[in-house]
Protein backbone atom coordinates (compact mmCIF):
# COMPACT_ATOMS: atom_id res chain seq x y z
CA MET A 1 0.00 0.00 0.00
CA LYS A 2 2.74 2.45 0.99
CA LYS A 3 4.77 1.38 -2.01
CA SER A 4 1.93 2.10 -4.49
CA THR A 5 1.16 5.46 -2.84
CA PHE A 6 4.80 6.47 -2.98
CA LEU A 7 5.06 5.31 -6.60
CA GLY A 8 1.90 7.28 -7.53
CA LEU A 9 3.23 10.45 -5.90
CA ALA A 10 6.59 10.03 -7.61
CA MET A 11 4.90 9.66 -11.01
CA ALA A 12 2.78 12.76 -10.35
CA VAL A 13 5.88 14.80 -9.48
CA VAL A 14 7.68 13.61 -12.62
CA ALA A 15 4.67 14.37 -14.82
CA LEU A 16 4.05 17.82 -13.37
CA HIS A 17 7.67 18.97 -13.13
CA PRO A 18 8.40 21.51 -15.90
CA LEU A 19 11.86 20.16 -16.69
CA PHE A 20 10.48 16.74 -17.52
CA ALA A 21 7.52 17.93 -19.52
CA SER A 22 8.09 17.93 -23.27
CA ALA A 23 6.16 21.18 -23.78
CA ALA A 24 8.54 23.04 -21.50
CA THR A 25 11.62 22.01 -23.51
CA ASP A 26 10.65 24.13 -26.54
CA SER A 27 11.08 27.86 -26.08
CA LYS A 28 8.15 28.51 -28.40
CA TYR A 29 5.87 26.62 -30.73
CA PRO A 30 7.89 25.76 -33.86
CA ALA A 31 5.17 26.79 -36.33
CA ALA A 32 4.22 30.04 -34.62
CA ASP A 33 5.94 32.18 -37.26
CA PHE A 34 4.70 30.20 -40.28
CA GLN A 35 3.99 32.44 -43.28
CA PRO A 36 2.29 30.58 -46.13
CA SER A 37 3.28 31.46 -49.65
CA VAL A 38 2.26 30.26 -53.09
CA ILE A 39 4.94 28.88 -55.38
CA TYR A 40 3.99 28.84 -59.05
CA LEU A 41 5.69 26.31 -61.26
CA ASP A 42 3.93 27.56 -64.37
CA LYS A 43 4.92 31.09 -65.41
CA ASP A 44 1.64 31.56 -67.32
CA ALA A 45 -0.41 30.76 -64.22
CA ALA A 46 1.57 33.28 -62.18
CA ALA A 47 1.00 36.04 -64.73
CA LYS A 48 -2.75 35.39 -64.92
CA ASP A 49 -3.90 37.16 -61.74
CA GLN A 50 -6.66 39.30 -63.25
CA PRO A 51 -10.05 37.66 -63.88
CA GLN A 52 -11.38 37.70 -67.41
CA THR A 53 -13.64 40.64 -68.18
CA GLU A 54 -14.79 39.43 -71.58
CA PRO A 55 -17.06 36.37 -71.63
CA ASP A 56 -15.71 33.32 -73.36
CA PRO A 57 -17.69 32.67 -76.59
CA LYS A 58 -17.49 28.93 -75.99
CA TYR A 59 -19.28 29.36 -72.63
CA PRO A 60 -22.03 31.99 -72.99
CA ALA A 61 -23.58 31.20 -69.60
CA SER A 62 -20.40 32.25 -67.80
CA SER A 63 -21.47 35.89 -67.99
CA PHE A 64 -25.11 35.29 -67.02
CA THR A 65 -26.76 38.02 -64.97
CA PRO A 66 -30.28 37.28 -63.72
CA ILE A 67 -32.96 39.84 -64.51
CA VAL A 68 -36.70 39.94 -63.78
CA VAL A 69 -38.65 39.57 -67.00
CA PHE A 70 -42.21 39.28 -65.68
CA VAL A 71 -43.80 40.56 -62.46
CA ASP A 72 -47.31 39.53 -61.52
CA LYS A 73 -49.08 42.73 -60.39
CA GLN A 74 -51.67 40.76 -58.43
CA SER A 75 -49.08 39.00 -56.28
CA VAL A 76 -47.12 42.21 -55.74
CA ASP A 77 -50.17 44.12 -54.51
CA GLN A 78 -51.24 41.27 -52.24
CA THR A 79 -50.84 41.82 -48.50
CA GLN A 80 -49.09 39.33 -46.28
CA ASP A 81 -51.42 36.86 -44.55
CA GLU A 82 -51.23 36.03 -40.90
CA PHE A 83 -48.40 33.76 -39.89
CA ASP A 84 -48.29 31.67 -36.76
CA PRO A 85 -44.77 30.39 -35.95
CA LYS A 86 -46.24 27.41 -34.11
CA TYR A 87 -48.17 26.28 -37.19
CA PRO A 88 -46.30 27.46 -40.30
CA ALA A 89 -48.33 25.30 -42.71
CA ALA A 90 -51.72 26.51 -41.46
CA TYR A 91 -51.89 29.37 -43.97
CA PHE A 92 -50.13 27.65 -46.86
CA LYS A 93 -51.49 28.59 -50.29
CA PRO A 94 -49.88 26.70 -53.17
CA LYS A 95 -49.14 28.65 -56.34
CA VAL A 96 -48.72 27.18 -59.79
CA ILE A 97 -45.85 28.67 -61.75
CA TYR A 98 -46.01 28.20 -65.49
CA PRO A 99 -42.73 28.38 -67.34
């Protein structure tokens, strides 16, 4: 009993002593001053920093900007119905959208 208590205390002292701890041996974290940088192997990729302003003719959808073509006046003028957060589907009104 005394032997196991003494051994447990000795192990606690060794584990908690700053000279034996591995974290105390380093003066600071080795990656604390890490500065990432990009190394380009391809000179063309390094020179191409600016995004293309002209759309590619092979990909016409690359320059797509959404616009509103049709607005239903009836749905715009409609007022908002009551809404109960406890029962969100109570006032559900399905709408059919024709393409």
